Amino acid sequence: MCIVSSISPEVIPAPVILLSAGMLGLSVVFALIRIIRGPTTPDRVIGVDLLAGLVMAGLLIAGISSGNPYYLQAVLGFAVILFLGTIAIARYLSPANDNDS
């Protein structure tokens, strides 16, 4: 059994949730522009990493607005996977160093 404290949706006013969701949507548009127009592969990787972080923020907003505390657990699991994926891509894109045998 997992005990997770939840934030009641009545604590945060609806306009604040709507404003944060709108700003998040605008950030998603900018992240997609970075992914599409990125001149190099690292720019596109940063855009995908940013987009994944924005998805996590969207899940948190959905969890707060619905009052469901299990969104937090999903976001934490997603963050761990995102971190490991970012490290793997960074190691793949880094130039080879002959001294690291």
Protein backbone atom coordinates (compact mmCIF):
# COMPACT_ATOMS: atom_id res chain seq x y z
CA MET A 1 0.00 0.00 0.00
CA CYS A 2 1.32 3.39 -0.95
CA ILE A 3 0.44 6.48 1.01
CA VAL A 4 0.59 9.63 -1.10
CA SER A 5 -0.67 12.98 0.07
CA SER A 6 -2.74 14.84 -2.47
CA ILE A 7 -3.38 18.46 -3.19
CA SER A 8 -7.04 19.29 -3.27
CA PRO A 9 -8.12 21.00 -6.52
CA GLU A 10 -9.91 23.61 -4.42
CA VAL A 11 -6.58 24.91 -3.10
CA ILE A 12 -5.40 26.17 -6.49
CA PRO A 13 -7.84 28.46 -8.34
CA ALA A 14 -9.01 27.33 -11.79
CA PRO A 15 -7.60 30.40 -13.61
CA VAL A 16 -4.13 29.58 -12.31
CA ILE A 17 -4.40 26.02 -13.64
CA LEU A 18 -5.70 27.27 -17.00
CA LEU A 19 -2.96 29.89 -17.26
CA SER A 20 -0.25 27.35 -16.46
CA ALA A 21 -1.71 24.90 -19.00
CA GLY A 22 -1.75 27.65 -21.64
CA MET A 23 1.85 28.62 -20.95
CA LEU A 24 2.78 24.95 -21.08
CA GLY A 25 1.10 24.63 -24.48
CA LEU A 26 3.04 27.62 -25.79
CA SER A 27 6.25 26.04 -24.52
CA VAL A 28 5.38 22.82 -26.36
CA VAL A 29 5.05 24.81 -29.60
CA PHE A 30 8.50 26.34 -29.08
CA ALA A 31 9.99 22.93 -28.27
CA LEU A 32 8.52 21.49 -31.46
CA ILE A 33 10.00 24.37 -33.43
CA ARG A 34 13.40 23.58 -31.90
CA ILE A 35 13.02 19.91 -32.84
CA ILE A 36 12.05 20.69 -36.43
CA ARG A 37 14.45 23.57 -37.12
CA GLY A 38 17.40 22.41 -35.02
CA PRO A 39 20.43 22.62 -37.26
CA THR A 40 22.34 19.92 -35.41
CA THR A 41 21.50 16.65 -33.72
CA PRO A 42 22.26 17.94 -30.19
CA ASP A 43 19.76 20.76 -30.76
CA ARG A 44 17.09 18.22 -31.64
CA VAL A 45 17.99 16.07 -28.63
CA ILE A 46 17.64 19.09 -26.35
CA GLY A 47 14.26 19.82 -27.93
CA VAL A 48 13.05 16.26 -27.34
CA ASP A 49 14.33 16.38 -23.75
CA LEU A 50 12.50 19.67 -23.23
CA LEU A 51 9.34 18.24 -24.75
CA ALA A 52 9.49 15.25 -22.41
CA GLY A 53 9.89 17.60 -19.45
CA LEU A 54 6.87 19.56 -20.62
CA VAL A 55 4.86 16.33 -20.84
CA MET A 56 5.80 15.66 -17.22
CA ALA A 57 4.64 19.16 -16.27
CA GLY A 58 1.38 18.52 -18.11
CA LEU A 59 0.88 15.32 -16.16
CA LEU A 60 1.44 17.23 -12.93
CA ILE A 61 -1.11 19.86 -13.94
CA ALA A 62 -3.59 17.09 -14.77
CA GLY A 63 -2.92 15.46 -11.42
CA ILE A 64 -3.42 18.69 -9.52
CA SER A 65 -6.59 19.60 -11.38
CA SER A 66 -8.12 16.14 -10.89
CA GLY A 67 -6.87 15.66 -7.34
CA ASN A 68 -5.39 12.26 -8.25
CA PRO A 69 -2.04 11.72 -6.48
CA TYR A 70 -0.99 8.85 -8.75
CA TYR A 71 0.06 11.23 -11.50
CA LEU A 72 3.05 12.11 -9.31
CA GLN A 73 4.21 8.51 -9.32
CA ALA A 74 3.89 8.35 -13.10
CA VAL A 75 5.90 11.56 -13.44
CA LEU A 76 8.65 10.24 -11.16
CA GLY A 77 8.96 7.04 -13.17
CA PHE A 78 8.96 9.01 -16.41
CA ALA A 79 11.68 11.32 -15.04
CA VAL A 80 13.96 8.37 -14.25
CA ILE A 81 13.52 6.94 -17.74
CA LEU A 82 14.07 10.38 -19.27
CA PHE A 83 17.26 10.87 -17.27
CA LEU A 84 18.69 7.53 -18.32
CA GLY A 85 17.75 8.15 -21.95
CA THR A 86 19.39 11.57 -21.92
CA ILE A 87 22.60 10.13 -20.48
CA ALA A 88 22.63 7.36 -23.10
CA ILE A 89 22.14 9.81 -25.98
CA ALA A 90 24.79 12.15 -24.58
CA ARG A 91 27.30 9.30 -24.38
CA TYR A 92 26.39 8.21 -27.92
CA LEU A 93 26.81 11.72 -29.34
CA SER A 94 29.99 12.59 -27.44
CA PRO A 95 33.18 12.43 -29.44
CA ALA A 96 35.30 9.32 -28.88
CA ASN A 97 38.20 9.82 -26.51
CA ASP A 98 41.14 7.47 -27.06
CA ASN A 99 42.36 7.87 -23.46
CA ASP A 100 39.19 6.26 -22.01
CA SER A 101 40.09 2.61 -22.59
